[in-house]
Amino acid sequence: LKCGLHANEARSSESVQAPRGGPEGGGLRWAPEAATLLTRVGRSHFERLKERVEREAQMARAKEVTPTLVLAAQPPAEQLYGSPASLLYQPHSGPVYGVAFSPFHRHVFLSVSTDASARLFSLLS
């Protein structure tokens, strides 16, 4: 079976609301709704995006980060609204001509391709 399920990391809104170190994040409160928007941002983008949003709030002279200010920072949509899970399967090297789920195990499917291979995948692993 050649499959992997990689869920987006999710953090709590309380961890988003926690102040960043240094003067840049000092004094800004995060509205719970604004913090919720950043809960599914990946680890590699989180700090940079949070800093960008807080800078936008400071330029607007806001005391609290609101959802409007988060969106005003123009974050890429795929960072805010990523898929809850991404399924990664080993690809065929040629066109796939058939895919069928097992009649006996609803989480198993088979794909066949012109690369002379048939691959068995599981949605659970």
Foldseek 3Di string as FASTA:
>chain_A
DFKDKDFQQFDQLVVLQDADDDDLRPQEGEDSVLSLQQRRAHPVCRVVLSSLLSVQCVVVVHRYRYNVSSVVSPDPPCRRDPDRMDMDGDDDPADWDDKDADPVDRQKMWIDGPSGDIDIDGNPD
